[in-house]
């Protein structure tokens, strides 16, 4: 019986304590509302006037790069095998460094790492298909700068891909044709040596054979007269050797023509390397314009030009005001409870 009475008293005391809590908050309601509203107002002012706004311009890039690329110098196997690897190059150091210069940013104020953080590559989860469409978001503190940054970034990206393929293909074909010329020179020396031997041998072989002399010896030994004997006939060994010489000369002529063509290719490729090195010094891309670097014209697309965003992405003023008001209300409740149960008791 006493235990039940104690439990009842405990519940009544707990109910009274909870009631006192609500009554304390009600007595401090003006303080709570004022602090919450002030916190929301301050948060809104900071969100609008202090926090730097962020605007995102969007690029949709379609990539369909082949594994091999046909040029006037032959087939070149591209060093990158997937579209994802190509799109990841958009945040490479060279592209970002050129973008900073083209945008007129101060490199001491905006580093490559800082600019990379403002670029987002949105990838789709296509587990069963090859992704070839990628969304790129570029952030800036005003709409027009965001649009221009996206445009400059894309142009530098295209130049970088073209230059990468051009330089890789050019150096590959320079090595290839140098090796081919060395191999052809060996074949040429061997053919010329064989030609000289055959010509010397031809000089010591009679063009004709005197058949009458041979038959006279046969007739004198057999006493046979039933033969029609012609005079001189063409020596078949001489004819065969002569045909071999003609074939060797044709082969030498083919090798020399091929070597001349390869030499022309090497001169063109050397000039292209000079243009590429000039680009690294001056940044002038206009001279690099032949068909060895046109790969992006047909394999990377920008369906639409970037546009200036109509509204900022962050901060969200309404969300910040709501969060600030809630946090202010929580702080106000704590202040009200301390004021009600601590200072009043004192």
C-alpha atoms as a PDB file:
ATOM      1  CA  UNK A   1       0.000   0.000   0.000  1.00  0.00           C
ATOM      2  CA  UNK A   2       2.799   2.391   0.869  1.00  0.00           C
ATOM      3  CA  UNK A   3       4.610   1.546  -2.368  1.00  0.00           C
ATOM      4  CA  UNK A   4       1.549   2.462  -4.440  1.00  0.00           C
ATOM      5  CA  UNK A   5       1.225   5.740  -2.618  1.00  0.00           C
ATOM      6  CA  UNK A   6       4.866   6.582  -3.306  1.00  0.00           C
ATOM      7  CA  UNK A   7       4.481   5.848  -7.015  1.00  0.00           C
ATOM      8  CA  UNK A   8       1.402   8.081  -7.193  1.00  0.00           C
ATOM      9  CA  UNK A   9       3.223  10.920  -5.530  1.00  0.00           C
ATOM     10  CA  UNK A  10       6.168  10.518  -7.933  1.00  0.00           C
ATOM     11  CA  UNK A  11       3.866  10.723 -10.982  1.00  0.00           C
ATOM     12  CA  UNK A  12       2.110  13.778  -9.548  1.00  0.00           C
ATOM     13  CA  UNK A  13       5.450  15.430  -8.875  1.00  0.00           C
ATOM     14  CA  UNK A  14       6.621  14.643 -12.451  1.00  0.00           C
ATOM     15  CA  UNK A  15       3.415  16.072 -13.919  1.00  0.00           C
ATOM     16  CA  UNK A  16       3.811  19.194 -11.879  1.00  0.00           C
ATOM     17  CA  UNK A  17       7.451  19.575 -13.043  1.00  0.00           C
ATOM     18  CA  UNK A  18       6.448  19.258 -16.694  1.00  0.00           C
ATOM     19  CA  UNK A  19       3.667  21.754 -16.181  1.00  0.00           C
ATOM     20  CA  UNK A  20       6.074  24.153 -14.537  1.00  0.00           C
ATOM     21  CA  UNK A  21       8.397  23.758 -17.527  1.00  0.00           C
ATOM     22  CA  UNK A  22       5.719  24.744 -20.006  1.00  0.00           C
ATOM     23  CA  UNK A  23       4.560  27.586 -17.810  1.00  0.00           C
ATOM     24  CA  UNK A  24       8.129  28.837 -17.580  1.00  0.00           C
ATOM     25  CA  UNK A  25       8.444  28.835 -21.356  1.00  0.00           C
ATOM     26  CA  UNK A  26       5.078  30.569 -21.671  1.00  0.00           C
ATOM     27  CA  UNK A  27       6.165  33.293 -19.295  1.00  0.00           C
ATOM     28  CA  UNK A  28       9.288  33.811 -21.423  1.00  0.00           C
ATOM     29  CA  UNK A  29       7.456  33.583 -24.745  1.00  0.00           C
ATOM     30  CA  UNK A  30       8.203  37.163 -25.775  1.00  0.00           C
ATOM     31  CA  UNK A  31      11.903  36.652 -25.133  1.00  0.00           C
ATOM     32  CA  UNK A  32      11.901  33.400 -27.148  1.00  0.00           C
ATOM     33  CA  UNK A  33      10.040  34.922 -30.094  1.00  0.00           C
ATOM     34  CA  UNK A  34      12.224  38.035 -30.140  1.00  0.00           C
ATOM     35  CA  UNK A  35      15.486  36.063 -30.059  1.00  0.00           C
ATOM     36  CA  UNK A  36      14.273  33.655 -32.764  1.00  0.00           C
ATOM     37  CA  UNK A  37      13.157  36.508 -35.038  1.00  0.00           C
ATOM     38  CA  UNK A  38      16.384  38.422 -34.488  1.00  0.00           C
ATOM     39  CA  UNK A  39      18.422  35.314 -35.271  1.00  0.00           C
ATOM     40  CA  UNK A  40      16.432  34.717 -38.456  1.00  0.00           C
ATOM     41  CA  UNK A  41      16.787  38.360 -39.486  1.00  0.00           C
ATOM     42  CA  UNK A  42      20.544  38.389 -38.872  1.00  0.00           C
ATOM     43  CA  UNK A  43      20.946  35.127 -40.756  1.00  0.00           C
ATOM     44  CA  UNK A  44      18.995  36.557 -43.691  1.00  0.00           C
ATOM     45  CA  UNK A  45      21.115  39.719 -43.761  1.00  0.00           C
ATOM     46  CA  UNK A  46      24.314  37.668 -43.691  1.00  0.00           C
ATOM     47  CA  UNK A  47      22.994  35.362 -46.419  1.00  0.00           C
ATOM     48  CA  UNK A  48      22.066  38.268 -48.696  1.00  0.00           C
ATOM     49  CA  UNK A  49      24.829  40.772 -48.118  1.00  0.00           C
ATOM     50  CA  UNK A  50      27.804  38.906 -46.637  1.00  0.00           C
ATOM     51  CA  UNK A  51      27.973  35.392 -48.097  1.00  0.00           C
ATOM     52  CA  UNK A  52      29.315  35.378 -51.665  1.00  0.00           C
ATOM     53  CA  UNK A  53      26.665  34.026 -54.047  1.00  0.00           C
ATOM     54  CA  UNK A  54      27.459  31.037 -56.266  1.00  0.00           C
ATOM     55  CA  UNK A  55      26.135  30.705 -59.823  1.00  0.00           C
ATOM     56  CA  UNK A  56      26.523  27.534 -61.875  1.00  0.00           C
ATOM     57  CA  UNK A  57      26.774  27.463 -65.665  1.00  0.00           C
ATOM     58  CA  UNK A  58      26.230  24.088 -67.293  1.00  0.00           C
ATOM     59  CA  UNK A  59      28.014  22.363 -70.168  1.00  0.00           C
ATOM     60  CA  UNK A  60      26.663  19.235 -71.826  1.00  0.00           C
ATOM     61  CA  UNK A  61      29.511  17.542 -73.681  1.00  0.00           C
ATOM     62  CA  UNK A  62      28.963  14.527 -75.935  1.00  0.00           C
ATOM     63  CA  UNK A  63      32.069  12.394 -76.494  1.00  0.00           C
ATOM     64  CA  UNK A  64      32.395   9.502 -78.917  1.00  0.00           C
ATOM     65  CA  UNK A  65      36.119   9.040 -79.384  1.00  0.00           C
ATOM     66  CA  UNK A  66      37.411   6.163 -81.565  1.00  0.00           C
ATOM     67  CA  UNK A  67      40.154   3.746 -80.626  1.00  0.00           C
ATOM     68  CA  UNK A  68      42.164   4.470 -83.792  1.00  0.00           C
ATOM     69  CA  UNK A  69      42.464   7.567 -85.922  1.00  0.00           C
ATOM     70  CA  UNK A  70      43.191   7.663 -89.652  1.00  0.00           C
ATOM     71  CA  UNK A  71      45.648  10.305 -90.889  1.00  0.00           C
ATOM     72  CA  UNK A  72      47.474  10.919 -94.163  1.00  0.00           C
ATOM     73  CA  UNK A  73      50.496   9.265 -92.550  1.00  0.00           C
ATOM     74  CA  UNK A  74      48.689   6.097 -91.524  1.00  0.00           C
ATOM     75  CA  UNK A  75      46.610   4.749 -88.647  1.00  0.00           C
ATOM     76  CA  UNK A  76      47.289   6.028 -85.154  1.00  0.00           C
ATOM     77  CA  UNK A  77      46.065   4.221 -82.028  1.00  0.00           C
ATOM     78  CA  UNK A  78      44.843   6.757 -79.481  1.00  0.00           C
ATOM     79  CA  UNK A  79      46.407   6.514 -76.011  1.00  0.00           C
ATOM     80  CA  UNK A  80      43.058   6.823 -74.183  1.00  0.00           C
ATOM     81  CA  UNK A  81      40.426   4.132 -74.514  1.00  0.00           C
ATOM     82  CA  UNK A  82      37.266   5.413 -72.746  1.00  0.00           C
ATOM     83  CA  UNK A  83      35.036   8.491 -72.825  1.00  0.00           C
ATOM     84  CA  UNK A  84      35.277   8.830 -69.050  1.00  0.00           C
ATOM     85  CA  UNK A  85      39.036   9.239 -69.300  1.00  0.00           C
ATOM     86  CA  UNK A  86      38.609  11.943 -71.922  1.00  0.00           C
ATOM     87  CA  UNK A  87      36.108  13.962 -69.862  1.00  0.00           C
ATOM     88  CA  UNK A  88      38.351  13.760 -66.793  1.00  0.00           C
ATOM     89  CA  UNK A  89      41.007  15.659 -68.739  1.00  0.00           C
ATOM     90  CA  UNK A  90      38.876  18.802 -68.514  1.00  0.00           C
ATOM     91  CA  UNK A  91      40.314  19.443 -65.040  1.00  0.00           C
ATOM     92  CA  UNK A  92      43.950  18.824 -66.026  1.00  0.00           C
ATOM     93  CA  UNK A  93      46.545  21.378 -64.989  1.00  0.00           C
ATOM     94  CA  UNK A  94      47.335  22.701 -68.482  1.00  0.00           C
ATOM     95  CA  UNK A  95      43.674  23.384 -69.281  1.00  0.00           C
ATOM     96  CA  UNK A  96      43.044  25.121 -65.966  1.00  0.00           C
ATOM     97  CA  UNK A  97      46.229  27.189 -66.222  1.00  0.00           C
ATOM     98  CA  UNK A  98      45.254  28.413 -69.708  1.00  0.00           C
ATOM     99  CA  UNK A  99      41.713  29.111 -68.507  1.00  0.00           C
ATOM    100  CA  UNK A 100      42.989  31.273 -65.649  1.00  0.00           C
ATOM    101  CA  UNK A 101      45.063  33.317 -68.104  1.00  0.00           C
ATOM    102  CA  UNK A 102      42.276  33.621 -70.700  1.00  0.00           C
ATOM    103  CA  UNK A 103      39.776  34.711 -68.054  1.00  0.00           C
ATOM    104  CA  UNK A 104      42.143  37.368 -66.796  1.00  0.00           C
ATOM    105  CA  UNK A 105      42.250  35.954 -63.285  1.00  0.00           C
ATOM    106  CA  UNK A 106      45.207  36.704 -61.075  1.00  0.00           C
ATOM    107  CA  UNK A 107      47.159  33.421 -60.696  1.00  0.00           C
ATOM    108  CA  UNK A 108      48.352  34.524 -57.253  1.00  0.00           C
ATOM    109  CA  UNK A 109      44.733  34.928 -56.104  1.00  0.00           C
ATOM    110  CA  UNK A 110      43.164  31.956 -57.891  1.00  0.00           C
ATOM    111  CA  UNK A 111      45.226  28.774 -57.979  1.00  0.00           C
ATOM    112  CA  UNK A 112      44.709  25.767 -60.230  1.00  0.00           C
ATOM    113  CA  UNK A 113      43.452  23.767 -57.246  1.00  0.00           C
ATOM    114  CA  UNK A 114      40.891  26.459 -56.385  1.00  0.00           C
ATOM    115  CA  UNK A 115      39.598  26.558 -59.946  1.00  0.00           C
ATOM    116  CA  UNK A 116      39.401  22.758 -60.041  1.00  0.00           C
ATOM    117  CA  UNK A 117      37.125  22.848 -56.981  1.00  0.00           C
ATOM    118  CA  UNK A 118      34.721  25.085 -58.936  1.00  0.00           C
ATOM    119  CA  UNK A 119      34.297  22.469 -61.694  1.00  0.00           C
ATOM    120  CA  UNK A 120      32.009  19.475 -61.186  1.00  0.00           C
ATOM    121  CA  UNK A 121      31.715  16.492 -63.533  1.00  0.00           C
ATOM    122  CA  UNK A 122      28.306  14.868 -63.195  1.00  0.00           C
ATOM    123  CA  UNK A 123      28.502  11.216 -64.200  1.00  0.00           C
ATOM    124  CA  UNK A 124      25.546   8.947 -64.759  1.00  0.00           C
ATOM    125  CA  UNK A 125      25.375   5.449 -63.361  1.00  0.00           C
ATOM    126  CA  UNK A 126      25.196   3.484 -66.594  1.00  0.00           C
ATOM    127  CA  UNK A 127      26.369   0.014 -65.670  1.00  0.00           C
ATOM    128  CA  UNK A 128      25.253  -1.679 -68.881  1.00  0.00           C
ATOM    129  CA  UNK A 129      25.970   1.013 -71.447  1.00  0.00           C
ATOM    130  CA  UNK A 130      28.910   3.183 -72.438  1.00  0.00           C
ATOM    131  CA  UNK A 131      28.358   6.748 -71.284  1.00  0.00           C
ATOM    132  CA  UNK A 132      29.051   9.411 -73.883  1.00  0.00           C
ATOM    133  CA  UNK A 133      27.103  12.382 -72.505  1.00  0.00           C
ATOM    134  CA  UNK A 134      28.538  14.335 -69.583  1.00  0.00           C
ATOM    135  CA  UNK A 135      27.272  17.378 -67.670  1.00  0.00           C
ATOM    136  CA  UNK A 136      29.854  19.851 -66.440  1.00  0.00           C
ATOM    137  CA  UNK A 137      28.933  22.526 -63.870  1.00  0.00           C
ATOM    138  CA  UNK A 138      31.140  25.584 -63.508  1.00  0.00           C
ATOM    139  CA  UNK A 139      30.768  27.872 -60.470  1.00  0.00           C
ATOM    140  CA  UNK A 140      31.389  31.615 -60.238  1.00  0.00           C
ATOM    141  CA  UNK A 141      30.261  34.586 -58.188  1.00  0.00           C
ATOM    142  CA  UNK A 142      28.189  36.201 -60.977  1.00  0.00           C
ATOM    143  CA  UNK A 143      26.115  34.808 -63.864  1.00  0.00           C
ATOM    144  CA  UNK A 144      28.054  36.292 -66.788  1.00  0.00           C
ATOM    145  CA  UNK A 145      31.403  35.225 -65.390  1.00  0.00           C
ATOM    146  CA  UNK A 146      30.060  31.698 -64.932  1.00  0.00           C
ATOM    147  CA  UNK A 147      28.926  31.578 -68.571  1.00  0.00           C
ATOM    148  CA  UNK A 148      32.227  32.915 -69.871  1.00  0.00           C
ATOM    149  CA  UNK A 149      34.219  30.567 -67.658  1.00  0.00           C
ATOM    150  CA  UNK A 150      32.299  27.572 -69.029  1.00  0.00           C
ATOM    151  CA  UNK A 151      32.892  28.755 -72.612  1.00  0.00           C
ATOM    152  CA  UNK A 152      36.612  29.382 -72.134  1.00  0.00           C
ATOM    153  CA  UNK A 153      37.041  26.081 -70.296  1.00  0.00           C
ATOM    154  CA  UNK A 154      35.436  24.152 -73.157  1.00  0.00           C
ATOM    155  CA  UNK A 155      37.547  25.892 -75.823  1.00  0.00           C
ATOM    156  CA  UNK A 156      40.738  25.158 -73.920  1.00  0.00           C
ATOM    157  CA  UNK A 157      39.588  21.572 -73.453  1.00  0.00           C
ATOM    158  CA  UNK A 158      39.127  21.111 -77.202  1.00  0.00           C
ATOM    159  CA  UNK A 159      42.528  22.657 -77.919  1.00  0.00           C
ATOM    160  CA  UNK A 160      44.141  20.399 -75.331  1.00  0.00           C
ATOM    161  CA  UNK A 161      42.645  17.206 -76.835  1.00  0.00           C
ATOM    162  CA  UNK A 162      43.624  18.241 -80.362  1.00  0.00           C
ATOM    163  CA  UNK A 163      47.123  19.146 -79.253  1.00  0.00           C
ATOM    164  CA  UNK A 164      47.528  15.920 -77.279  1.00  0.00           C
ATOM    165  CA  UNK A 165      46.490  13.794 -80.269  1.00  0.00           C
ATOM    166  CA  UNK A 166      48.567  15.892 -82.685  1.00  0.00           C
ATOM    167  CA  UNK A 167      51.732  15.677 -80.645  1.00  0.00           C
ATOM    168  CA  UNK A 168      51.308  11.991 -79.869  1.00  0.00           C
ATOM    169  CA  UNK A 169      50.565  11.058 -83.494  1.00  0.00           C
ATOM    170  CA  UNK A 170      53.342  13.271 -84.872  1.00  0.00           C
ATOM    171  CA  UNK A 171      56.022  11.824 -82.646  1.00  0.00           C
ATOM    172  CA  UNK A 172      54.735   8.315 -83.279  1.00  0.00           C
ATOM    173  CA  UNK A 173      54.946   8.697 -87.064  1.00  0.00           C
ATOM    174  CA  UNK A 174      58.378  10.358 -86.865  1.00  0.00           C
ATOM    175  CA  UNK A 175      59.702   7.302 -85.033  1.00  0.00           C
ATOM    176  CA  UNK A 176      57.815   4.974 -87.371  1.00  0.00           C
ATOM    177  CA  UNK A 177      59.141   6.489 -90.618  1.00  0.00           C
ATOM    178  CA  UNK A 178      62.687   6.793 -89.296  1.00  0.00           C
ATOM    179  CA  UNK A 179      62.650   3.064 -88.570  1.00  0.00           C
ATOM    180  CA  UNK A 180      61.117   2.353 -91.985  1.00  0.00           C
ATOM    181  CA  UNK A 181      63.800   4.416 -93.710  1.00  0.00           C
ATOM    182  CA  UNK A 182      66.528   2.485 -91.928  1.00  0.00           C
ATOM    183  CA  UNK A 183      64.944  -0.810 -92.953  1.00  0.00           C
ATOM    184  CA  UNK A 184      64.487   0.358 -96.550  1.00  0.00           C
ATOM    185  CA  UNK A 185      68.090   1.547 -96.689  1.00  0.00           C
ATOM    186  CA  UNK A 186      69.227  -1.952 -95.773  1.00  0.00           C
ATOM    187  CA  UNK A 187      67.007  -3.421 -98.518  1.00  0.00           C
ATOM    188  CA  UNK A 188      68.299  -0.841-100.988  1.00  0.00           C
ATOM    189  CA  UNK A 189      71.944  -1.592-100.238  1.00  0.00           C
ATOM    190  CA  UNK A 190      71.284  -5.326-100.555  1.00  0.00           C
ATOM    191  CA  UNK A 191      69.444  -4.901-103.878  1.00  0.00           C
ATOM    192  CA  UNK A 192      72.140  -2.654-105.305  1.00  0.00           C
ATOM    193  CA  UNK A 193      74.810  -5.145-104.307  1.00  0.00           C
ATOM    194  CA  UNK A 194      72.890  -7.990-105.946  1.00  0.00           C
ATOM    195  CA  UNK A 195      72.369  -5.889-109.069  1.00  0.00           C
ATOM    196  CA  UNK A 196      76.083  -5.237-109.380  1.00  0.00           C
ATOM    197  CA  UNK A 197      76.874  -8.964-109.072  1.00  0.00           C
ATOM    198  CA  UNK A 198      74.291  -9.955-111.659  1.00  0.00           C
ATOM    199  CA  UNK A 199      75.482  -7.303-114.095  1.00  0.00           C
ATOM    200  CA  UNK A 200      79.062  -8.494-113.707  1.00  0.00           C
ATOM    201  CA  UNK A 201      77.924 -12.089-114.237  1.00  0.00           C
ATOM    202  CA  UNK A 202      75.930 -11.056-117.298  1.00  0.00           C
ATOM    203  CA  UNK A 203      79.062  -9.590-118.843  1.00  0.00           C
ATOM    204  CA  UNK A 204      80.751 -13.017-118.672  1.00  0.00           C
ATOM    205  CA  UNK A 205      77.882 -15.017-120.169  1.00  0.00           C
ATOM    206  CA  UNK A 206      77.417 -15.308-123.897  1.00  0.00           C
ATOM    207  CA  UNK A 207      74.131 -14.047-125.202  1.00  0.00           C
ATOM    208  CA  UNK A 208      73.888 -16.875-127.747  1.00  0.00           C
ATOM    209  CA  UNK A 209      74.941 -20.512-128.072  1.00  0.00           C
ATOM    210  CA  UNK A 210      76.538 -21.817-131.354  1.00  0.00           C
ATOM    211  CA  UNK A 211      74.393 -24.901-131.876  1.00  0.00           C
ATOM    212  CA  UNK A 212      76.079 -25.879-135.142  1.00  0.00           C
ATOM    213  CA  UNK A 213      79.436 -26.529-133.513  1.00  0.00           C
ATOM    214  CA  UNK A 214      77.824 -28.739-130.904  1.00  0.00           C
ATOM    215  CA  UNK A 215      75.926 -30.723-133.484  1.00  0.00           C
ATOM    216  CA  UNK A 216      78.997 -31.127-135.661  1.00  0.00           C
ATOM    217  CA  UNK A 217      80.700 -32.954-132.855  1.00  0.00           C
ATOM    218  CA  UNK A 218      77.657 -35.153-132.400  1.00  0.00           C
ATOM    219  CA  UNK A 219      77.455 -35.964-136.103  1.00  0.00           C
ATOM    220  CA  UNK A 220      81.080 -36.830-136.384  1.00  0.00           C
ATOM    221  CA  UNK A 221      80.795 -39.327-133.572  1.00  0.00           C
ATOM    222  CA  UNK A 222      77.512 -41.025-134.663  1.00  0.00           C
ATOM    223  CA  UNK A 223      77.784 -40.665-138.459  1.00  0.00           C
ATOM    224  CA  UNK A 224      74.200 -39.470-138.428  1.00  0.00           C
ATOM    225  CA  UNK A 225      72.883 -36.967-140.975  1.00  0.00           C
ATOM    226  CA  UNK A 226      69.153 -36.767-140.122  1.00  0.00           C
ATOM    227  CA  UNK A 227      69.392 -33.423-138.216  1.00  0.00           C
ATOM    228  CA  UNK A 228      68.439 -29.908-139.059  1.00  0.00           C
ATOM    229  CA  UNK A 229      70.913 -27.723-137.304  1.00  0.00           C
ATOM    230  CA  UNK A 230      70.419 -24.009-136.826  1.00  0.00           C
ATOM    231  CA  UNK A 231      73.179 -21.522-136.235  1.00  0.00           C
ATOM    232  CA  UNK A 232      73.276 -19.406-133.095  1.00  0.00           C
ATOM    233  CA  UNK A 233      70.402 -19.528-130.519  1.00  0.00           C
ATOM    234  CA  UNK A 234      69.627 -17.331-127.481  1.00  0.00           C
ATOM    235  CA  UNK A 235      71.333 -18.481-124.323  1.00  0.00           C
ATOM    236  CA  UNK A 236      68.483 -19.200-121.791  1.00  0.00           C
ATOM    237  CA  UNK A 237      70.803 -18.484-118.845  1.00  0.00           C
ATOM    238  CA  UNK A 238      71.535 -15.067-120.269  1.00  0.00           C
ATOM    239  CA  UNK A 239      67.821 -14.352-120.710  1.00  0.00           C
ATOM    240  CA  UNK A 240      66.960 -15.461-117.175  1.00  0.00           C
ATOM    241  CA  UNK A 241      69.757 -13.389-115.685  1.00  0.00           C
ATOM    242  CA  UNK A 242      68.633 -10.405-117.714  1.00  0.00           C
ATOM    243  CA  UNK A 243      65.081 -10.754-116.345  1.00  0.00           C
ATOM    244  CA  UNK A 244      66.464 -10.928-112.804  1.00  0.00           C
ATOM    245  CA  UNK A 245      68.362  -7.697-113.387  1.00  0.00           C
ATOM    246  CA  UNK A 246      65.214  -5.971-114.641  1.00  0.00           C
ATOM    247  CA  UNK A 247      63.266  -7.142-111.588  1.00  0.00           C
ATOM    248  CA  UNK A 248      66.012  -5.941-109.228  1.00  0.00           C
ATOM    249  CA  UNK A 249      66.047  -2.538-110.907  1.00  0.00           C
ATOM    250  CA  UNK A 250      62.270  -2.258-110.518  1.00  0.00           C
ATOM    251  CA  UNK A 251      62.580  -3.180-106.838  1.00  0.00           C
ATOM    252  CA  UNK A 252      65.319  -0.565-106.358  1.00  0.00           C
ATOM    253  CA  UNK A 253      63.140   2.039-108.051  1.00  0.00           C
ATOM    254  CA  UNK A 254      60.192   1.165-105.758  1.00  0.00           C
ATOM    255  CA  UNK A 255      62.382   1.369-102.659  1.00  0.00           C
ATOM    256  CA  UNK A 256      63.811   4.737-103.696  1.00  0.00           C
ATOM    257  CA  UNK A 257      60.341   6.158-104.399  1.00  0.00           C
ATOM    258  CA  UNK A 258      59.094   4.910-101.036  1.00  0.00           C
ATOM    259  CA  UNK A 259      62.097   6.401 -99.274  1.00  0.00           C
ATOM    260  CA  UNK A 260      61.532   9.726-101.006  1.00  0.00           C
ATOM    261  CA  UNK A 261      57.885   9.731 -99.904  1.00  0.00           C
ATOM    262  CA  UNK A 262      58.842   8.876 -96.347  1.00  0.00           C
ATOM    263  CA  UNK A 263      61.403  11.675 -96.367  1.00  0.00           C
ATOM    264  CA  UNK A 264      58.685  14.110 -97.427  1.00  0.00           C
ATOM    265  CA  UNK A 265      56.490  12.853 -94.598  1.00  0.00           C
ATOM    266  CA  UNK A 266      59.316  13.349 -92.117  1.00  0.00           C
ATOM    267  CA  UNK A 267      59.829  16.928 -93.308  1.00  0.00           C
ATOM    268  CA  UNK A 268      56.112  17.653 -92.834  1.00  0.00           C
ATOM    269  CA  UNK A 269      56.102  16.013 -89.415  1.00  0.00           C
ATOM    270  CA  UNK A 270      59.196  17.951 -88.352  1.00  0.00           C
ATOM    271  CA  UNK A 271      57.423  21.174 -89.336  1.00  0.00           C
ATOM    272  CA  UNK A 272      54.415  20.079 -87.292  1.00  0.00           C
ATOM    273  CA  UNK A 273      56.586  19.454 -84.248  1.00  0.00           C
ATOM    274  CA  UNK A 274      57.989  22.937 -84.709  1.00  0.00           C
ATOM    275  CA  UNK A 275      54.438  24.359 -84.731  1.00  0.00           C
ATOM    276  CA  UNK A 276      53.580  22.438 -81.560  1.00  0.00           C
ATOM    277  CA  UNK A 277      56.677  23.691 -79.792  1.00  0.00           C
ATOM    278  CA  UNK A 278      55.787  27.189 -80.963  1.00  0.00           C
ATOM    279  CA  UNK A 279      52.362  26.798 -79.401  1.00  0.00           C
ATOM    280  CA  UNK A 280      53.918  25.981 -76.040  1.00  0.00           C
ATOM    281  CA  UNK A 281      55.949  29.180 -76.293  1.00  0.00           C
ATOM    282  CA  UNK A 282      53.333  31.579 -77.696  1.00  0.00           C
ATOM    283  CA  UNK A 283      49.953  29.903 -77.135  1.00  0.00           C
ATOM    284  CA  UNK A 284      49.053  30.467 -80.814  1.00  0.00           C
ATOM    285  CA  UNK A 285      46.886  27.525 -81.867  1.00  0.00           C
ATOM    286  CA  UNK A 286      46.017  28.797 -85.355  1.00  0.00           C
ATOM    287  CA  UNK A 287      49.078  27.273 -87.028  1.00  0.00           C
ATOM    288  CA  UNK A 288      48.148  23.763 -85.919  1.00  0.00           C
ATOM    289  CA  UNK A 289      45.316  23.202 -88.348  1.00  0.00           C
ATOM    290  CA  UNK A 290      45.928  20.270 -90.695  1.00  0.00           C
ATOM    291  CA  UNK A 291      43.995  17.012 -90.772  1.00  0.00           C
ATOM    292  CA  UNK A 292      46.139  15.255 -88.209  1.00  0.00           C
ATOM    293  CA  UNK A 293      44.466  17.166 -85.350  1.00  0.00           C
ATOM    294  CA  UNK A 294      40.839  17.436 -86.480  1.00  0.00           C
ATOM    295  CA  UNK A 295      39.719  14.575 -84.273  1.00  0.00           C
ATOM    296  CA  UNK A 296      37.519  16.700 -81.988  1.00  0.00           C
ATOM    297  CA  UNK A 297      35.565  18.187 -84.899  1.00  0.00           C
ATOM    298  CA  UNK A 298      33.703  14.949 -85.451  1.00  0.00           C
ATOM    299  CA  UNK A 299      33.996  13.181 -82.102  1.00  0.00           C
ATOM    300  CA  UNK A 300      33.333  15.790 -79.378  1.00  0.00           C
ATOM    301  CA  UNK A 301      30.140  17.852 -79.515  1.00  0.00           C
ATOM    302  CA  UNK A 302      28.628  20.729 -77.585  1.00  0.00           C
ATOM    303  CA  UNK A 303      24.901  20.550 -78.411  1.00  0.00           C
ATOM    304  CA  UNK A 304      24.261  24.069 -77.087  1.00  0.00           C
ATOM    305  CA  UNK A 305      26.363  26.975 -75.949  1.00  0.00           C
ATOM    306  CA  UNK A 306      26.519  27.711 -72.198  1.00  0.00           C
ATOM    307  CA  UNK A 307      24.144  30.403 -70.960  1.00  0.00           C
ATOM    308  CA  UNK A 308      24.298  32.680 -67.935  1.00  0.00           C
ATOM    309  CA  UNK A 309      22.307  31.182 -65.024  1.00  0.00           C
ATOM    310  CA  UNK A 310      19.127  33.057 -64.138  1.00  0.00           C
ATOM    311  CA  UNK A 311      19.391  32.398 -60.396  1.00  0.00           C
ATOM    312  CA  UNK A 312      22.103  31.615 -57.922  1.00  0.00           C
ATOM    313  CA  UNK A 313      22.705  28.104 -56.700  1.00  0.00           C
ATOM    314  CA  UNK A 314      23.757  29.075 -53.205  1.00  0.00           C
ATOM    315  CA  UNK A 315      23.260  30.338 -50.617  1.00  0.00           C
ATOM    316  CA  UNK A 316      19.510  29.756 -50.306  1.00  0.00           C
ATOM    317  CA  UNK A 317      18.221  32.788 -48.416  1.00  0.00           C
ATOM    318  CA  UNK A 318      14.966  31.152 -47.358  1.00  0.00           C
ATOM    319  CA  UNK A 319      16.673  28.013 -46.063  1.00  0.00           C
ATOM    320  CA  UNK A 320      19.245  30.067 -44.185  1.00  0.00           C
ATOM    321  CA  UNK A 321      16.512  32.203 -42.571  1.00  0.00           C
ATOM    322  CA  UNK A 322      14.574  29.098 -41.499  1.00  0.00           C
ATOM    323  CA  UNK A 323      17.694  27.438 -40.090  1.00  0.00           C
ATOM    324  CA  UNK A 324      18.741  30.654 -38.336  1.00  0.00           C
ATOM    325  CA  UNK A 325      15.283  31.077 -36.844  1.00  0.00           C
ATOM    326  CA  UNK A 326      15.224  27.495 -35.560  1.00  0.00           C
ATOM    327  CA  UNK A 327      18.683  27.782 -34.076  1.00  0.00           C
ATOM    328  CA  UNK A 328      17.758  31.136 -32.523  1.00  0.00           C
ATOM    329  CA  UNK A 329      14.616  29.589 -31.070  1.00  0.00           C
ATOM    330  CA  UNK A 330      16.601  26.739 -29.536  1.00  0.00           C
ATOM    331  CA  UNK A 331      19.048  29.174 -27.995  1.00  0.00           C
ATOM    332  CA  UNK A 332      16.144  31.341 -26.784  1.00  0.00           C
ATOM    333  CA  UNK A 333      14.519  28.341 -25.074  1.00  0.00           C
ATOM    334  CA  UNK A 334      17.784  27.573 -23.311  1.00  0.00           C
ATOM    335  CA  UNK A 335      18.137  31.199 -22.202  1.00  0.00           C
ATOM    336  CA  UNK A 336      14.531  31.263 -21.002  1.00  0.00           C
ATOM    337  CA  UNK A 337      14.945  28.097 -18.930  1.00  0.00           C
ATOM    338  CA  UNK A 338      18.170  29.355 -17.373  1.00  0.00           C
ATOM    339  CA  UNK A 339      16.576  32.683 -16.603  1.00  0.00           C
ATOM    340  CA  UNK A 340      13.421  31.107 -15.166  1.00  0.00           C
ATOM    341  CA  UNK A 341      14.886  28.320 -13.019  1.00  0.00           C
ATOM    342  CA  UNK A 342      18.282  29.653 -12.140  1.00  0.00           C
ATOM    343  CA  UNK A 343      18.172  33.387 -11.711  1.00  0.00           C
ATOM    344  CA  UNK A 344      14.632  33.445 -10.341  1.00  0.00           C
ATOM    345  CA  UNK A 345      15.507  30.880  -7.697  1.00  0.00           C
ATOM    346  CA  UNK A 346      18.519  32.914  -6.717  1.00  0.00           C
END
